[in-house]
Every structure is written in C-alpha cells, then in structure tokens.
Amino acid sequence: MKTNKEWHQAHRMPARATLEQRVAWHIEHARHCGCRQMPEKIREEIKKRNLKA
C-alpha cells in the first residue's frame, strides 16, 4: 500500500489523542491514505457508532 506523505505531514495524530480524536483521524486516514490497516479497537468503535470508514 502506498503512503500519502503529504496527507500525513498535514494531519498529525494529536499527542495523547482521545478516543474521539483517534476515531476521527483514522476515518480521514482511511479516506486519504492506504499505508496501513486501521487498528482493531478503532474498527470496533466505528462499527459500534455506526460510522462509515
């Protein structure tokens, strides 16, 4: 999978990110970059919240 370097540089994960921030970051990451799979905990939280990733 290819890393979207520009997106990563412009969208850093906040230090000590809350679960809410992590979920939002990973959803956007999935839309803009395909460098890695989303962590299981985040996938479960997205499913629990009925969000689209």
N, C-alpha and C. Protein backbone atom coordinates (compact mmCIF):
# COMPACT_ATOMS: atom_id res chain seq x y z
N MET A 1 0.83 -1.18 0.00
CA MET A 1 0.00 0.00 0.00
C MET A 1 0.88 1.25 0.00
N LYS A 2 0.42 2.26 -0.65
CA LYS A 2 1.20 3.47 -0.81
C LYS A 2 0.86 4.51 0.26
N THR A 3 1.89 5.15 0.80
CA THR A 3 1.72 6.19 1.81
C THR A 3 1.49 7.54 1.12
N ASN A 4 0.51 8.27 1.60
CA ASN A 4 0.25 9.63 1.14
C ASN A 4 1.04 10.56 2.07
N LYS A 5 2.29 10.78 1.72
CA LYS A 5 3.22 11.55 2.56
C LYS A 5 2.69 12.96 2.86
N GLU A 6 2.15 13.61 1.87
CA GLU A 6 1.64 14.97 2.06
C GLU A 6 0.50 14.99 3.08
N TRP A 7 -0.41 14.02 2.99
CA TRP A 7 -1.53 13.98 3.93
C TRP A 7 -1.01 13.76 5.35
N HIS A 8 -0.09 12.83 5.51
CA HIS A 8 0.46 12.53 6.83
C HIS A 8 1.15 13.75 7.44
N GLN A 9 1.89 14.49 6.63
CA GLN A 9 2.58 15.68 7.15
C GLN A 9 1.60 16.75 7.59
N ALA A 10 0.48 16.87 6.90
CA ALA A 10 -0.51 17.90 7.21
C ALA A 10 -1.51 17.48 8.28
N HIS A 11 -1.58 16.19 8.59
CA HIS A 11 -2.59 15.68 9.52
C HIS A 11 -1.96 14.75 10.56
N ARG A 12 -1.25 15.32 11.47
CA ARG A 12 -0.62 14.53 12.53
C ARG A 12 -1.65 14.14 13.58
N MET A 13 -1.49 12.93 14.11
CA MET A 13 -2.32 12.48 15.22
C MET A 13 -1.92 13.32 16.44
N PRO A 14 -2.88 13.92 17.14
CA PRO A 14 -2.53 14.72 18.31
C PRO A 14 -1.86 13.87 19.40
N ALA A 15 -0.95 14.48 20.13
CA ALA A 15 -0.34 13.81 21.27
C ALA A 15 -1.43 13.54 22.30
N ARG A 16 -1.40 12.37 22.91
CA ARG A 16 -2.41 11.96 23.90
C ARG A 16 -3.83 12.13 23.36
N ALA A 17 -4.04 11.70 22.14
CA ALA A 17 -5.34 11.83 21.48
C ALA A 17 -6.41 11.05 22.25
N THR A 18 -7.58 11.64 22.33
CA THR A 18 -8.72 10.97 22.93
C THR A 18 -9.24 9.92 21.95
N LEU A 19 -10.10 9.05 22.43
CA LEU A 19 -10.69 8.05 21.54
C LEU A 19 -11.46 8.75 20.42
N GLU A 20 -12.16 9.80 20.73
CA GLU A 20 -12.91 10.56 19.72
C GLU A 20 -11.97 11.10 18.63
N GLN A 21 -10.84 11.66 19.04
CA GLN A 21 -9.87 12.18 18.09
C GLN A 21 -9.26 11.06 17.26
N ARG A 22 -8.97 9.94 17.89
CA ARG A 22 -8.38 8.80 17.18
C ARG A 22 -9.34 8.25 16.13
N VAL A 23 -10.61 8.11 16.51
CA VAL A 23 -11.62 7.62 15.56
C VAL A 23 -11.69 8.56 14.36
N ALA A 24 -11.79 9.86 14.61
CA ALA A 24 -11.90 10.84 13.52
C ALA A 24 -10.66 10.81 12.63
N TRP A 25 -9.47 10.73 13.25
CA TRP A 25 -8.23 10.71 12.49
C TRP A 25 -8.16 9.48 11.60
N HIS A 26 -8.50 8.32 12.15
CA HIS A 26 -8.41 7.08 11.38
C HIS A 26 -9.43 7.03 10.25
N ILE A 27 -10.60 7.60 10.44
CA ILE A 27 -11.59 7.66 9.36
C ILE A 27 -11.04 8.49 8.21
N GLU A 28 -10.49 9.67 8.53
CA GLU A 28 -9.90 10.52 7.48
C GLU A 28 -8.69 9.84 6.86
N HIS A 29 -7.90 9.19 7.66
CA HIS A 29 -6.72 8.49 7.16
C HIS A 29 -7.13 7.43 6.13
N ALA A 30 -8.16 6.68 6.43
CA ALA A 30 -8.63 5.64 5.51
C ALA A 30 -9.11 6.24 4.19
N ARG A 31 -9.62 7.45 4.23
CA ARG A 31 -10.11 8.10 3.00
C ARG A 31 -8.96 8.63 2.14
N HIS A 32 -7.84 8.99 2.76
CA HIS A 32 -6.78 9.68 2.04
C HIS A 32 -5.49 8.89 1.88
N CYS A 33 -5.33 7.80 2.61
CA CYS A 33 -4.07 7.08 2.56
C CYS A 33 -4.33 5.59 2.79
N GLY A 34 -3.56 4.77 2.12
CA GLY A 34 -3.74 3.33 2.26
C GLY A 34 -2.50 2.64 2.79
N CYS A 35 -1.78 3.32 3.67
CA CYS A 35 -0.48 2.80 4.09
C CYS A 35 -0.57 1.67 5.11
N ARG A 36 -1.67 1.58 5.83
CA ARG A 36 -1.79 0.51 6.83
C ARG A 36 -3.25 0.29 7.19
N GLN A 37 -3.47 -0.84 7.84
CA GLN A 37 -4.82 -1.18 8.28
C GLN A 37 -5.14 -0.45 9.58
N MET A 38 -6.39 -0.12 9.75
CA MET A 38 -6.86 0.54 10.95
C MET A 38 -6.75 -0.41 12.15
N PRO A 39 -6.37 0.09 13.32
CA PRO A 39 -6.30 -0.78 14.50
C PRO A 39 -7.68 -1.38 14.82
N GLU A 40 -7.67 -2.59 15.33
CA GLU A 40 -8.91 -3.31 15.65
C GLU A 40 -9.80 -2.52 16.59
N LYS A 41 -9.24 -1.92 17.63
CA LYS A 41 -10.02 -1.16 18.59
C LYS A 41 -10.78 -0.01 17.91
N ILE A 42 -10.13 0.64 16.96
CA ILE A 42 -10.77 1.74 16.24
C ILE A 42 -11.86 1.20 15.32
N ARG A 43 -11.59 0.10 14.63
CA ARG A 43 -12.62 -0.52 13.77
C ARG A 43 -13.85 -0.89 14.58
N GLU A 44 -13.64 -1.46 15.75
CA GLU A 44 -14.77 -1.84 16.61
C GLU A 44 -15.56 -0.62 17.05
N GLU A 45 -14.87 0.45 17.39
CA GLU A 45 -15.54 1.67 17.84
C GLU A 45 -16.34 2.29 16.69
N ILE A 46 -15.80 2.28 15.49
CA ILE A 46 -16.51 2.82 14.33
C ILE A 46 -17.78 2.00 14.08
N LYS A 47 -17.66 0.69 14.16
CA LYS A 47 -18.82 -0.18 13.97
C LYS A 47 -19.86 0.08 15.05
N LYS A 48 -19.41 0.20 16.29
CA LYS A 48 -20.32 0.44 17.42
C LYS A 48 -21.09 1.76 17.23
N ARG A 49 -20.43 2.76 16.66
CA ARG A 49 -21.04 4.07 16.46
C ARG A 49 -21.78 4.18 15.13
N ASN A 50 -21.81 3.10 14.35
CA ASN A 50 -22.46 3.07 13.04
C ASN A 50 -21.93 4.16 12.12
N LEU A 51 -20.60 4.31 12.10
CA LEU A 51 -19.96 5.29 11.23
C LEU A 51 -19.43 4.59 9.99
N LYS A 52 -19.17 5.35 8.96
CA LYS A 52 -18.59 4.82 7.72
C LYS A 52 -17.11 5.19 7.69
N ALA A 53 -16.29 4.22 7.36
CA ALA A 53 -14.85 4.49 7.26
C ALA A 53 -14.38 4.27 5.84
